PDB file of N, CA and C in Angstrom:
ATOM      1  N   MET A   1       0.833  -1.182   0.000  1.00  0.00           N
ATOM      2  CA  MET A   1       0.000   0.000   0.000  1.00  0.00           C
ATOM      3  C   MET A   1       0.882   1.251   0.000  1.00  0.00           C
ATOM      4  N   ARG A   2       0.517   2.205  -0.844  1.00  0.00           N
ATOM      5  CA  ARG A   2       1.303   3.437  -0.940  1.00  0.00           C
ATOM      6  C   ARG A   2       1.048   4.346   0.250  1.00  0.00           C
ATOM      7  N   ALA A   3       2.069   5.092   0.609  1.00  0.00           N
ATOM      8  CA  ALA A   3       1.939   6.050   1.708  1.00  0.00           C
ATOM      9  C   ALA A   3       1.090   7.234   1.246  1.00  0.00           C
ATOM     10  N   LYS A   4       0.308   7.774   2.165  1.00  0.00           N
ATOM     11  CA  LYS A   4      -0.523   8.939   1.867  1.00  0.00           C
ATOM     12  C   LYS A   4       0.350  10.177   1.747  1.00  0.00           C
ATOM     13  N   PRO A   5      -0.007  11.085   0.839  1.00  0.00           N
ATOM     14  CA  PRO A   5       0.714  12.362   0.799  1.00  0.00           C
ATOM     15  C   PRO A   5       0.565  13.067   2.151  1.00  0.00           C
ATOM     16  N   VAL A   6       1.557  13.838   2.515  1.00  0.00           N
ATOM     17  CA  VAL A   6       1.566  14.520   3.800  1.00  0.00           C
ATOM     18  C   VAL A   6       0.309  15.372   3.984  1.00  0.00           C
ATOM     19  N   ARG A   7      -0.146  16.052   2.931  1.00  0.00           N
ATOM     20  CA  ARG A   7      -1.298  16.939   3.064  1.00  0.00           C
ATOM     21  C   ARG A   7      -2.591  16.176   3.331  1.00  0.00           C
ATOM     22  N   TRP A   8      -2.636  14.873   3.099  1.00  0.00           N
ATOM     23  CA  TRP A   8      -3.840  14.071   3.352  1.00  0.00           C
ATOM     24  C   TRP A   8      -3.817  13.399   4.713  1.00  0.00           C
ATOM     25  N   GLN A   9      -2.674  13.367   5.362  1.00  0.00           N
ATOM     26  CA  GLN A   9      -2.551  12.615   6.603  1.00  0.00           C
ATOM     27  C   GLN A   9      -3.415  13.162   7.727  1.00  0.00           C
ATOM     28  N   GLY A  10      -3.713  14.425   7.727  1.00  0.00           N
ATOM     29  CA  GLY A  10      -4.553  15.016   8.765  1.00  0.00           C
ATOM     30  C   GLY A  10      -6.034  14.795   8.544  1.00  0.00           C
ATOM     31  N   SER A  11      -6.416  14.211   7.430  1.00  0.00           N
ATOM     32  CA  SER A  11      -7.838  14.053   7.117  1.00  0.00           C
ATOM     33  C   SER A  11      -8.438  12.760   7.651  1.00  0.00           C
ATOM     34  N   ASP A  12      -7.641  11.889   8.231  1.00  0.00           N
ATOM     35  CA  ASP A  12      -8.155  10.606   8.731  1.00  0.00           C
ATOM     36  C   ASP A  12      -9.311  10.773   9.711  1.00  0.00           C
ATOM     37  N   GLU A  13      -9.165  11.703  10.651  1.00  0.00           N
ATOM     38  CA  GLU A  13     -10.209  11.904  11.653  1.00  0.00           C
ATOM     39  C   GLU A  13     -11.486  12.421  11.006  1.00  0.00           C
ATOM     40  N   ALA A  14     -11.356  13.340  10.064  1.00  0.00           N
ATOM     41  CA  ALA A  14     -12.537  13.881   9.388  1.00  0.00           C
ATOM     42  C   ALA A  14     -13.248  12.813   8.582  1.00  0.00           C
ATOM     43  N   ILE A  15     -12.503  11.913   8.003  1.00  0.00           N
ATOM     44  CA  ILE A  15     -13.103  10.839   7.216  1.00  0.00           C
ATOM     45  C   ILE A  15     -13.939   9.929   8.104  1.00  0.00           C
ATOM     46  N   ARG A  16     -13.507   9.729   9.331  1.00  0.00           N
ATOM     47  CA  ARG A  16     -14.235   8.864  10.258  1.00  0.00           C
ATOM     48  C   ARG A  16     -15.439   9.558  10.897  1.00  0.00           C
ATOM     49  N   ALA A  17     -15.542  10.881  10.784  1.00  0.00           N
ATOM     50  CA  ALA A  17     -16.659  11.614  11.380  1.00  0.00           C
ATOM     51  C   ALA A  17     -17.959  11.224  10.694  1.00  0.00           C
ATOM     52  N   VAL A  18     -19.044  11.276  11.436  1.00  0.00           N
ATOM     53  CA  VAL A  18     -20.362  10.916  10.928  1.00  0.00           C
ATOM     54  C   VAL A  18     -21.264  12.135  11.035  1.00  0.00           C
ATOM     55  N   GLN A  19     -21.906  12.481   9.949  1.00  0.00           N
ATOM     56  CA  GLN A  19     -22.840  13.595   9.980  1.00  0.00           C
ATOM     57  C   GLN A  19     -24.150  13.123  10.592  1.00  0.00           C
ATOM     58  N   VAL A  20     -24.687  13.905  11.522  1.00  0.00           N
ATOM     59  CA  VAL A  20     -25.927  13.567  12.202  1.00  0.00           C
ATOM     60  C   VAL A  20     -26.961  14.638  11.866  1.00  0.00           C
ATOM     61  N   ALA A  21     -28.152  14.196  11.450  1.00  0.00           N
ATOM     62  CA  ALA A  21     -29.249  15.117  11.149  1.00  0.00           C
ATOM     63  C   ALA A  21     -30.261  15.046  12.281  1.00  0.00           C
ATOM     64  N   PHE A  22     -30.688  16.190  12.765  1.00  0.00           N
ATOM     65  CA  PHE A  22     -31.663  16.260  13.842  1.00  0.00           C
ATOM     66  C   PHE A  22     -33.016  16.664  13.266  1.00  0.00           C
ATOM     67  N   ASP A  23     -34.026  15.851  13.480  1.00  0.00           N
ATOM     68  CA  ASP A  23     -35.387  16.164  13.053  1.00  0.00           C
ATOM     69  C   ASP A  23     -36.071  16.907  14.189  1.00  0.00           C
ATOM     70  N   VAL A  24     -36.173  18.222  14.045  1.00  0.00           N
ATOM     71  CA  VAL A  24     -36.740  19.071  15.094  1.00  0.00           C
ATOM     72  C   VAL A  24     -37.777  20.016  14.493  1.00  0.00           C
ATOM     73  N   GLU A  25     -38.517  20.666  15.357  1.00  0.00           N
ATOM     74  CA  GLU A  25     -39.534  21.608  14.915  1.00  0.00           C
ATOM     75  C   GLU A  25     -38.893  22.851  14.311  1.00  0.00           C
ATOM     76  N   GLU A  26     -39.685  23.559  13.516  1.00  0.00           N
ATOM     77  CA  GLU A  26     -39.227  24.776  12.843  1.00  0.00           C
ATOM     78  C   GLU A  26     -38.672  25.798  13.838  1.00  0.00           C
ATOM     79  N   ALA A  27     -39.277  25.912  15.012  1.00  0.00           N
ATOM     80  CA  ALA A  27     -38.817  26.887  16.007  1.00  0.00           C
ATOM     81  C   ALA A  27     -37.390  26.581  16.467  1.00  0.00           C
ATOM     82  N   VAL A  28     -37.043  25.307  16.578  1.00  0.00           N
ATOM     83  CA  VAL A  28     -35.691  24.918  16.982  1.00  0.00           C
ATOM     84  C   VAL A  28     -34.708  25.258  15.864  1.00  0.00           C
ATOM     85  N   LEU A  29     -35.083  24.938  14.636  1.00  0.00           N
ATOM     86  CA  LEU A  29     -34.233  25.284  13.486  1.00  0.00           C
ATOM     87  C   LEU A  29     -33.951  26.781  13.461  1.00  0.00           C
ATOM     88  N   GLU A  30     -35.010  27.561  13.604  1.00  0.00           N
ATOM     89  CA  GLU A  30     -34.877  29.017  13.545  1.00  0.00           C
ATOM     90  C   GLU A  30     -34.003  29.539  14.680  1.00  0.00           C
ATOM     91  N   ALA A  31     -34.178  29.004  15.881  1.00  0.00           N
ATOM     92  CA  ALA A  31     -33.383  29.460  17.026  1.00  0.00           C
ATOM     93  C   ALA A  31     -31.901  29.165  16.823  1.00  0.00           C
ATOM     94  N   VAL A  32     -31.590  27.973  16.340  1.00  0.00           N
ATOM     95  CA  VAL A  32     -30.188  27.596  16.127  1.00  0.00           C
ATOM     96  C   VAL A  32     -29.584  28.438  15.010  1.00  0.00           C
ATOM     97  N   ARG A  33     -30.307  28.584  13.910  1.00  0.00           N
ATOM     98  CA  ARG A  33     -29.792  29.376  12.782  1.00  0.00           C
ATOM     99  C   ARG A  33     -29.598  30.834  13.166  1.00  0.00           C
ATOM    100  N   THR A  34     -30.553  31.390  13.910  1.00  0.00           N
ATOM    101  CA  THR A  34     -30.451  32.788  14.330  1.00  0.00           C
ATOM    102  C   THR A  34     -29.255  32.993  15.255  1.00  0.00           C
ATOM    103  N   ALA A  35     -29.088  32.101  16.217  1.00  0.00           N
ATOM    104  CA  ALA A  35     -27.940  32.205  17.132  1.00  0.00           C
ATOM    105  C   ALA A  35     -26.627  32.094  16.370  1.00  0.00           C
ATOM    106  N   ALA A  36     -26.571  31.174  15.419  1.00  0.00           N
ATOM    107  CA  ALA A  36     -25.356  31.008  14.615  1.00  0.00           C
ATOM    108  C   ALA A  36     -25.059  32.286  13.829  1.00  0.00           C
ATOM    109  N   PHE A  37     -26.098  32.840  13.216  1.00  0.00           N
ATOM    110  CA  PHE A  37     -25.931  34.074  12.456  1.00  0.00           C
ATOM    111  C   PHE A  37     -25.432  35.201  13.345  1.00  0.00           C
ATOM    112  N   GLU A  38     -26.060  35.367  14.507  1.00  0.00           N
ATOM    113  CA  GLU A  38     -25.694  36.458  15.405  1.00  0.00           C
ATOM    114  C   GLU A  38     -24.286  36.310  15.962  1.00  0.00           C
ATOM    115  N   GLN A  39     -23.819  35.062  16.102  1.00  0.00           N
ATOM    116  CA  GLN A  39     -22.472  34.823  16.629  1.00  0.00           C
ATOM    117  C   GLN A  39     -21.434  34.653  15.521  1.00  0.00           C
ATOM    118  N   HIS A  40     -21.872  34.776  14.269  1.00  0.00           N
ATOM    119  CA  HIS A  40     -20.978  34.641  13.114  1.00  0.00           C
ATOM    120  C   HIS A  40     -20.267  33.297  13.101  1.00  0.00           C
ATOM    121  N   VAL A  41     -21.027  32.241  13.373  1.00  0.00           N
ATOM    122  CA  VAL A  41     -20.492  30.885  13.307  1.00  0.00           C
ATOM    123  C   VAL A  41     -21.384  30.062  12.389  1.00  0.00           C
ATOM    124  N   SER A  42     -20.898  28.912  11.991  1.00  0.00           N
ATOM    125  CA  SER A  42     -21.707  28.026  11.156  1.00  0.00           C
ATOM    126  C   SER A  42     -22.797  27.390  12.015  1.00  0.00           C
ATOM    127  N   THR A  43     -23.835  26.916  11.366  1.00  0.00           N
ATOM    128  CA  THR A  43     -24.894  26.217  12.089  1.00  0.00           C
ATOM    129  C   THR A  43     -24.321  25.014  12.813  1.00  0.00           C
ATOM    130  N   SER A  44     -23.410  24.307  12.158  1.00  0.00           N
ATOM    131  CA  SER A  44     -22.770  23.149  12.770  1.00  0.00           C
ATOM    132  C   SER A  44     -22.011  23.532  14.037  1.00  0.00           C
ATOM    133  N   ASP A  45     -21.255  24.629  13.980  1.00  0.00           N
ATOM    134  CA  ASP A  45     -20.528  25.075  15.171  1.00  0.00           C
ATOM    135  C   ASP A  45     -21.494  25.497  16.279  1.00  0.00           C
ATOM    136  N   GLN A  46     -22.620  26.100  15.906  1.00  0.00           N
ATOM    137  CA  GLN A  46     -23.615  26.492  16.913  1.00  0.00           C
ATOM    138  C   GLN A  46     -24.182  25.257  17.612  1.00  0.00           C
ATOM    139  N   ILE A  47     -24.483  24.229  16.839  1.00  0.00           N
ATOM    140  CA  ILE A  47     -24.982  22.982  17.418  1.00  0.00           C
ATOM    141  C   ILE A  47     -23.936  22.390  18.363  1.00  0.00           C
ATOM    142  N   ARG A  48     -22.671  22.392  17.933  1.00  0.00           N
ATOM    143  CA  ARG A  48     -21.600  21.860  18.777  1.00  0.00           C
ATOM    144  C   ARG A  48     -21.514  22.653  20.087  1.00  0.00           C
ATOM    145  N   GLN A  49     -21.673  23.979  20.024  1.00  0.00           N
ATOM    146  CA  GLN A  49     -21.639  24.800  21.236  1.00  0.00           C
ATOM    147  C   GLN A  49     -22.799  24.447  22.163  1.00  0.00           C
ATOM    148  N   VAL A  50     -23.998  24.301  21.611  1.00  0.00           N
ATOM    149  CA  VAL A  50     -25.170  23.950  22.415  1.00  0.00           C
ATOM    150  C   VAL A  50     -24.966  22.608  23.106  1.00  0.00           C
ATOM    151  N   LEU A  51     -24.355  21.666  22.401  1.00  0.00           N
ATOM    152  CA  LEU A  51     -24.137  20.330  22.946  1.00  0.00           C
ATOM    153  C   LEU A  51     -22.890  20.233  23.832  1.00  0.00           C
ATOM    154  N   GLY A  52     -22.146  21.338  23.938  1.00  0.00           N
ATOM    155  CA  GLY A  52     -20.955  21.339  24.775  1.00  0.00           C
ATOM    156  C   GLY A  52     -19.755  20.674  24.130  1.00  0.00           C
ATOM    157  N   LEU A  53     -19.775  20.545  22.818  1.00  0.00           N
ATOM    158  CA  LEU A  53     -18.660  19.929  22.094  1.00  0.00           C
ATOM    159  C   LEU A  53     -17.643  20.986  21.683  1.00  0.00           C
ATOM    160  N   ALA A  54     -16.431  20.570  21.470  1.00  0.00           N
ATOM    161  CA  ALA A  54     -15.368  21.481  21.043  1.00  0.00           C
ATOM    162  C   ALA A  54     -15.641  21.968  19.622  1.00  0.00           C
ATOM    163  N   THR A  55     -15.233  23.195  19.372  1.00  0.00           N
ATOM    164  CA  THR A  55     -15.284  23.753  18.019  1.00  0.00           C
ATOM    165  C   THR A  55     -13.892  24.229  17.659  1.00  0.00           C
ATOM    166  N   THR A  56     -13.625  24.292  16.371  1.00  0.00           N
ATOM    167  CA  THR A  56     -12.314  24.768  15.934  1.00  0.00           C
ATOM    168  C   THR A  56     -12.287  26.282  16.039  1.00  0.00           C
ATOM    169  N   SER A  57     -11.185  26.798  16.492  1.00  0.00           N
ATOM    170  CA  SER A  57     -11.074  28.247  16.623  1.00  0.00           C
ATOM    171  C   SER A  57     -10.428  28.871  15.396  1.00  0.00           C
ATOM    172  N   LYS A  58      -9.888  28.026  14.530  1.00  0.00           N
ATOM    173  CA  LYS A  58      -9.240  28.594  13.344  1.00  0.00           C
ATOM    174  C   LYS A  58     -10.309  29.168  12.413  1.00  0.00           C
ATOM    175  N   PRO A  59     -10.051  30.349  11.889  1.00  0.00           N
ATOM    176  CA  PRO A  59     -11.042  30.959  11.004  1.00  0.00           C
ATOM    177  C   PRO A  59     -11.174  30.172   9.707  1.00  0.00           C
ATOM    178  N   LYS A  60     -12.401  30.077   9.251  1.00  0.00           N
ATOM    179  CA  LYS A  60     -12.658  29.412   7.982  1.00  0.00           C
ATOM    180  C   LYS A  60     -12.865  30.493   6.939  1.00  0.00           C
ATOM    181  N   ARG A  61     -12.550  30.159   5.717  1.00  0.00           N
ATOM    182  CA  ARG A  61     -12.768  31.179   4.702  1.00  0.00           C
ATOM    183  C   ARG A  61     -14.273  31.334   4.512  1.00  0.00           C
ATOM    184  N   PRO A  62     -14.713  32.579   4.449  1.00  0.00           N
ATOM    185  CA  PRO A  62     -16.146  32.812   4.321  1.00  0.00           C
ATOM    186  C   PRO A  62     -16.640  32.408   2.936  1.00  0.00           C
ATOM    187  N   ARG A  63     -17.619  31.525   2.919  1.00  0.00           N
ATOM    188  CA  ARG A  63     -18.160  31.117   1.636  1.00  0.00           C
ATOM    189  C   ARG A  63     -19.580  30.616   1.825  1.00  0.00           C
ATOM    190  N   LEU A  64     -20.308  30.664   0.760  1.00  0.00           N
ATOM    191  CA  LEU A  64     -21.658  30.130   0.708  1.00  0.00           C
ATOM    192  C   LEU A  64     -21.625  28.935  -0.226  1.00  0.00           C
ATOM    193  N   THR A  65     -22.441  27.947   0.047  1.00  0.00           N
ATOM    194  CA  THR A  65     -22.483  26.785  -0.832  1.00  0.00           C
ATOM    195  C   THR A  65     -23.913  26.505  -1.264  1.00  0.00           C
ATOM    196  N   VAL A  66     -24.040  25.934  -2.424  1.00  0.00           N
ATOM    197  CA  VAL A  66     -25.328  25.497  -2.954  1.00  0.00           C
ATOM    198  C   VAL A  66     -25.060  24.327  -3.882  1.00  0.00           C
ATOM    199  N   SER A  67     -25.965  23.388  -3.923  1.00  0.00           N
ATOM    200  CA  SER A  67     -25.840  22.259  -4.856  1.00  0.00           C
ATOM    201  C   SER A  67     -26.581  22.611  -6.137  1.00  0.00           C
ATOM    202  N   LEU A  68     -25.898  22.477  -7.249  1.00  0.00           N
ATOM    203  CA  LEU A  68     -26.506  22.759  -8.551  1.00  0.00           C
ATOM    204  C   LEU A  68     -26.520  21.490  -9.387  1.00  0.00           C
ATOM    205  N   ASN A  69     -27.660  21.213  -9.983  1.00  0.00           N
ATOM    206  CA  ASN A  69     -27.755  20.061 -10.886  1.00  0.00           C
ATOM    207  C   ASN A  69     -27.685  20.541 -12.328  1.00  0.00           C
ATOM    208  N   ALA A  70     -27.789  19.627 -13.261  1.00  0.00           N
ATOM    209  CA  ALA A  70     -27.654  19.975 -14.681  1.00  0.00           C
ATOM    210  C   ALA A  70     -28.701  21.001 -15.103  1.00  0.00           C
ATOM    211  N   ALA A  71     -29.951  20.845 -14.623  1.00  0.00           N
ATOM    212  CA  ALA A  71     -31.011  21.808 -14.970  1.00  0.00           C
ATOM    213  C   ALA A  71     -30.689  23.202 -14.427  1.00  0.00           C
ATOM    214  N   ASP A  72     -30.092  23.267 -13.229  1.00  0.00           N
ATOM    215  CA  ASP A  72     -29.709  24.556 -12.653  1.00  0.00           C
ATOM    216  C   ASP A  72     -28.648  25.234 -13.513  1.00  0.00           C
ATOM    217  N   TYR A  73     -27.656  24.459 -13.956  1.00  0.00           N
ATOM    218  CA  TYR A  73     -26.612  25.028 -14.817  1.00  0.00           C
ATOM    219  C   TYR A  73     -27.199  25.486 -16.150  1.00  0.00           C
ATOM    220  N   GLU A  74     -28.133  24.726 -16.691  1.00  0.00           N
ATOM    221  CA  GLU A  74     -28.786  25.137 -17.939  1.00  0.00           C
ATOM    222  C   GLU A  74     -29.528  26.453 -17.742  1.00  0.00           C
ATOM    223  N   PHE A  75     -30.275  26.556 -16.648  1.00  0.00           N
ATOM    224  CA  PHE A  75     -31.018  27.778 -16.343  1.00  0.00           C
ATOM    225  C   PHE A  75     -30.074  28.966 -16.201  1.00  0.00           C
ATOM    226  N   LEU A  76     -29.008  28.791 -15.411  1.00  0.00           N
ATOM    227  CA  LEU A  76     -28.074  29.890 -15.180  1.00  0.00           C
ATOM    228  C   LEU A  76     -27.305  30.263 -16.450  1.00  0.00           C
ATOM    229  N   ALA A  77     -26.934  29.282 -17.240  1.00  0.00           N
ATOM    230  CA  ALA A  77     -26.240  29.571 -18.498  1.00  0.00           C
ATOM    231  C   ALA A  77     -27.120  30.442 -19.393  1.00  0.00           C
ATOM    232  N   LYS A  78     -28.386  30.081 -19.471  1.00  0.00           N
ATOM    233  CA  LYS A  78     -29.330  30.867 -20.281  1.00  0.00           C
ATOM    234  C   LYS A  78     -29.500  32.261 -19.686  1.00  0.00           C
ATOM    235  N   ARG A  79     -29.650  32.335 -18.380  1.00  0.00           N
ATOM    236  CA  ARG A  79     -29.823  33.619 -17.697  1.00  0.00           C
ATOM    237  C   ARG A  79     -28.654  34.554 -17.964  1.00  0.00           C
ATOM    238  N   TYR A  80     -27.433  34.002 -17.921  1.00  0.00           N
ATOM    239  CA  TYR A  80     -26.237  34.818 -18.076  1.00  0.00           C
ATOM    240  C   TYR A  80     -25.720  34.886 -19.510  1.00  0.00           C
ATOM    241  N   GLY A  81     -26.364  34.180 -20.439  1.00  0.00           N
ATOM    242  CA  GLY A  81     -25.913  34.188 -21.830  1.00  0.00           C
ATOM    243  C   GLY A  81     -24.577  33.489 -22.013  1.00  0.00           C
ATOM    244  N   LEU A  82     -24.383  32.396 -21.283  1.00  0.00           N
ATOM    245  CA  LEU A  82     -23.120  31.666 -21.327  1.00  0.00           C
ATOM    246  C   LEU A  82     -23.343  30.237 -21.798  1.00  0.00           C
ATOM    247  N   ALA A  83     -22.264  29.576 -22.160  1.00  0.00           N
ATOM    248  CA  ALA A  83     -22.339  28.160 -22.517  1.00  0.00           C
ATOM    249  C   ALA A  83     -22.557  27.358 -21.242  1.00  0.00           C
ATOM    250  N   VAL A  84     -23.402  26.330 -21.327  1.00  0.00           N
ATOM    251  CA  VAL A  84     -23.742  25.539 -20.148  1.00  0.00           C
ATOM    252  C   VAL A  84     -22.520  24.845 -19.540  1.00  0.00           C
ATOM    253  N   ASP A  85     -21.501  24.561 -20.338  1.00  0.00           N
ATOM    254  CA  ASP A  85     -20.316  23.878 -19.820  1.00  0.00           C
ATOM    255  C   ASP A  85     -19.255  24.851 -19.278  1.00  0.00           C
ATOM    256  N   ASP A  86     -19.526  26.150 -19.348  1.00  0.00           N
ATOM    257  CA  ASP A  86     -18.587  27.136 -18.817  1.00  0.00           C
ATOM    258  C   ASP A  86     -18.933  27.414 -17.353  1.00  0.00           C
ATOM    259  N   ARG A  87     -18.722  26.420 -16.521  1.00  0.00           N
ATOM    260  CA  ARG A  87     -19.148  26.486 -15.119  1.00  0.00           C
ATOM    261  C   ARG A  87     -18.413  27.554 -14.321  1.00  0.00           C
ATOM    262  N   LEU A  88     -17.169  27.818 -14.657  1.00  0.00           N
ATOM    263  CA  LEU A  88     -16.431  28.855 -13.949  1.00  0.00           C
ATOM    264  C   LEU A  88     -17.058  30.225 -14.209  1.00  0.00           C
ATOM    265  N   ALA A  89     -17.382  30.524 -15.456  1.00  0.00           N
ATOM    266  CA  ALA A  89     -18.010  31.805 -15.782  1.00  0.00           C
ATOM    267  C   ALA A  89     -19.386  31.916 -15.132  1.00  0.00           C
ATOM    268  N   ILE A  90     -20.126  30.809 -15.099  1.00  0.00           N
ATOM    269  CA  ILE A  90     -21.436  30.807 -14.444  1.00  0.00           C
ATOM    270  C   ILE A  90     -21.257  31.111 -12.959  1.00  0.00           C
ATOM    271  N   LYS A  91     -20.272  30.478 -12.335  1.00  0.00           N
ATOM    272  CA  LYS A  91     -20.003  30.716 -10.917  1.00  0.00           C
ATOM    273  C   LYS A  91     -19.633  32.177 -10.673  1.00  0.00           C
ATOM    274  N   GLU A  92     -18.813  32.752 -11.556  1.00  0.00           N
ATOM    275  CA  GLU A  92     -18.405  34.147 -11.394  1.00  0.00           C
ATOM    276  C   GLU A  92     -19.601  35.087 -11.495  1.00  0.00           C
ATOM    277  N   LYS A  93     -20.496  34.833 -12.454  1.00  0.00           N
ATOM    278  CA  LYS A  93     -21.707  35.664 -12.599  1.00  0.00           C
ATOM    279  C   LYS A  93     -22.610  35.501 -11.376  1.00  0.00           C
ATOM    280  N   ALA A  94     -22.763  34.267 -10.897  1.00  0.00           N
ATOM    281  CA  ALA A  94     -23.595  34.017  -9.726  1.00  0.00           C
ATOM    282  C   ALA A  94     -23.001  34.715  -8.500  1.00  0.00           C
ATOM    283  N   THR A  95     -21.679  34.700  -8.379  1.00  0.00           N
ATOM    284  CA  THR A  95     -21.012  35.387  -7.274  1.00  0.00           C
ATOM    285  C   THR A  95     -21.322  36.875  -7.314  1.00  0.00           C
ATOM    286  N   ARG A  96     -21.275  37.450  -8.507  1.00  0.00           N
ATOM    287  CA  ARG A  96     -21.610  38.876  -8.635  1.00  0.00           C
ATOM    288  C   ARG A  96     -23.051  39.141  -8.228  1.00  0.00           C
ATOM    289  N   ASP A  97     -23.967  38.240  -8.600  1.00  0.00           N
ATOM    290  CA  ASP A  97     -25.374  38.396  -8.197  1.00  0.00           C
ATOM    291  C   ASP A  97     -25.517  38.365  -6.679  1.00  0.00           C
ATOM    292  N   LEU A  98     -24.783  37.475  -6.019  1.00  0.00           N
ATOM    293  CA  LEU A  98     -24.852  37.391  -4.564  1.00  0.00           C
ATOM    294  C   LEU A  98     -24.289  38.650  -3.908  1.00  0.00           C
ATOM    295  N   ILE A  99     -23.193  39.161  -4.444  1.00  0.00           N
ATOM    296  CA  ILE A  99     -22.599  40.389  -3.915  1.00  0.00           C
ATOM    297  C   ILE A  99     -23.555  41.557  -4.117  1.00  0.00           C
ATOM    298  N   GLU A 100     -24.182  41.595  -5.289  1.00  0.00           N
ATOM    299  CA  GLU A 100     -25.159  42.646  -5.583  1.00  0.00           C
ATOM    300  C   GLU A 100     -26.359  42.538  -4.640  1.00  0.00           C
ATOM    301  N   PHE A 101     -26.805  41.324  -4.398  1.00  0.00           N
ATOM    302  CA  PHE A 101     -27.903  41.096  -3.466  1.00  0.00           C
ATOM    303  C   PHE A 101     -27.556  41.638  -2.083  1.00  0.00           C
ATOM    304  N   ALA A 102     -26.354  41.346  -1.625  1.00  0.00           N
ATOM    305  CA  ALA A 102     -25.930  41.764  -0.289  1.00  0.00           C
ATOM    306  C   ALA A 102     -25.797  43.278  -0.180  1.00  0.00           C
ATOM    307  N   SER A 103     -25.395  43.913  -1.249  1.00  0.00           N
ATOM    308  CA  SER A 103     -25.212  45.359  -1.211  1.00  0.00           C
ATOM    309  C   SER A 103     -26.526  46.096  -1.386  1.00  0.00           C
ATOM    310  N   GLY A 104     -27.571  45.372  -1.825  1.00  0.00           N
ATOM    311  CA  GLY A 104     -28.871  46.005  -2.018  1.00  0.00           C
ATOM    312  C   GLY A 104     -28.923  46.874  -3.266  1.00  0.00           C
ATOM    313  N   ALA A 105     -27.937  46.709  -4.170  1.00  0.00           N
ATOM    314  CA  ALA A 105     -27.877  47.542  -5.373  1.00  0.00           C
ATOM    315  C   ALA A 105     -29.107  47.376  -6.259  1.00  0.00           C
ATOM    316  N   THR A 106     -29.568  46.152  -6.446  1.00  0.00           N
ATOM    317  CA  THR A 106     -30.789  45.928  -7.191  1.00  0.00           C
ATOM    318  C   THR A 106     -31.654  44.990  -6.391  1.00  0.00           C
ATOM    319  N   GLY A 107     -32.776  45.468  -6.006  1.00  0.00           N
ATOM    320  CA  GLY A 107     -33.651  44.630  -5.203  1.00  0.00           C
ATOM    321  C   GLY A 107     -35.067  45.134  -5.248  1.00  0.00           C
ATOM    322  N   THR A 108     -35.900  44.478  -4.516  1.00  0.00           N
ATOM    323  CA  THR A 108     -37.289  44.891  -4.421  1.00  0.00           C
ATOM    324  C   THR A 108     -37.385  45.960  -3.357  1.00  0.00           C
ATOM    325  N   ALA A 109     -38.578  46.393  -3.066  1.00  0.00           N
ATOM    326  CA  ALA A 109     -38.781  47.425  -2.056  1.00  0.00           C
ATOM    327  C   ALA A 109     -38.230  47.000  -0.699  1.00  0.00           C
ATOM    328  N   SER A 110     -38.214  45.705  -0.429  1.00  0.00           N
ATOM    329  CA  SER A 110     -37.701  45.225   0.847  1.00  0.00           C
ATOM    330  C   SER A 110     -36.178  45.134   0.853  1.00  0.00           C
ATOM    331  N   GLY A 111     -35.544  45.408  -0.290  1.00  0.00           N
ATOM    332  CA  GLY A 111     -34.096  45.314  -0.365  1.00  0.00           C
ATOM    333  C   GLY A 111     -33.626  43.919  -0.694  1.00  0.00           C
ATOM    334  N   ARG A 112     -34.564  43.021  -0.970  1.00  0.00           N
ATOM    335  CA  ARG A 112     -34.186  41.648  -1.293  1.00  0.00           C
ATOM    336  C   ARG A 112     -34.530  41.360  -2.734  1.00  0.00           C
ATOM    337  N   LYS A 113     -33.653  40.607  -3.352  1.00  0.00           N
ATOM    338  CA  LYS A 113     -33.840  40.227  -4.726  1.00  0.00           C
ATOM    339  C   LYS A 113     -34.840  39.080  -4.828  1.00  0.00           C
ATOM    340  N   SER A 114     -35.334  38.830  -5.999  1.00  0.00           N
ATOM    341  CA  SER A 114     -36.267  37.727  -6.216  1.00  0.00           C
ATOM    342  C   SER A 114     -35.724  36.437  -5.652  1.00  0.00           C
ATOM    343  N   THR A 115     -36.602  35.598  -5.134  1.00  0.00           N
ATOM    344  CA  THR A 115     -36.191  34.341  -4.531  1.00  0.00           C
ATOM    345  C   THR A 115     -35.997  33.247  -5.560  1.00  0.00           C
ATOM    346  N   GLY A 116     -36.168  33.555  -6.837  1.00  0.00           N
ATOM    347  CA  GLY A 116     -35.923  32.560  -7.854  1.00  0.00           C
ATOM    348  C   GLY A 116     -37.144  31.752  -8.227  1.00  0.00           C
ATOM    349  N   THR A 117     -38.327  32.304  -8.024  1.00  0.00           N
ATOM    350  CA  THR A 117     -39.536  31.552  -8.332  1.00  0.00           C
ATOM    351  C   THR A 117     -39.667  31.291  -9.829  1.00  0.00           C
ATOM    352  N   GLY A 118     -38.844  31.943 -10.636  1.00  0.00           N
ATOM    353  CA  GLY A 118     -38.874  31.697 -12.080  1.00  0.00           C
ATOM    354  C   GLY A 118     -38.069  30.487 -12.497  1.00  0.00           C
ATOM    355  N   ARG A 119     -37.455  29.816 -11.533  1.00  0.00           N
ATOM    356  CA  ARG A 119     -36.646  28.630 -11.845  1.00  0.00           C
ATOM    357  C   ARG A 119     -37.528  27.514 -12.338  1.00  0.00           C
ATOM    358  N   PRO A 120     -36.969  26.666 -13.174  1.00  0.00           N
ATOM    359  CA  PRO A 120     -37.734  25.511 -13.624  1.00  0.00           C
ATOM    360  C   PRO A 120     -38.136  24.663 -12.427  1.00  0.00           C
ATOM    361  N   GLY A 121     -39.387  24.228 -12.443  1.00  0.00           N
ATOM    362  CA  GLY A 121     -39.859  23.357 -11.383  1.00  0.00           C
ATOM    363  C   GLY A 121     -40.288  24.072 -10.123  1.00  0.00           C
ATOM    364  N   ARG A 122     -40.211  25.383 -10.105  1.00  0.00           N
ATOM    365  CA  ARG A 122     -40.621  26.161  -8.922  1.00  0.00           C
ATOM    366  C   ARG A 122     -41.799  27.028  -9.305  1.00  0.00           C
ATOM    367  N   LYS A 123     -42.826  26.993  -8.541  1.00  0.00           N
ATOM    368  CA  LYS A 123     -44.001  27.840  -8.792  1.00  0.00           C
ATOM    369  C   LYS A 123     -44.269  28.709  -7.600  1.00  0.00           C
TER     370      LYS A 123
END
């Protein structure tokens, strides 16, 4: 068996970790998410704090994540006038939309942009 590269050797513990999903009422979800937001931590870190578990103190790079399927890429490619296989350009345009949303540059009267109800499969 080949030796693991040095940069992978620290990942053994993370690989053994198990993700746990909690089925709770909406009020619990909202309370945890709100506390996490107010403390500028991830929802996962907030749950760990509530449960008395250790959290990492090292700063994580700030990022948002979303899962996109083939239909989502097709929709976004059309929206941005890009080729569907140009995923980097699609990501860059989407990033600009998120930054614009946060700055309130283009939004509705409430300062929020459309929630995407025009997406395929969403009514």
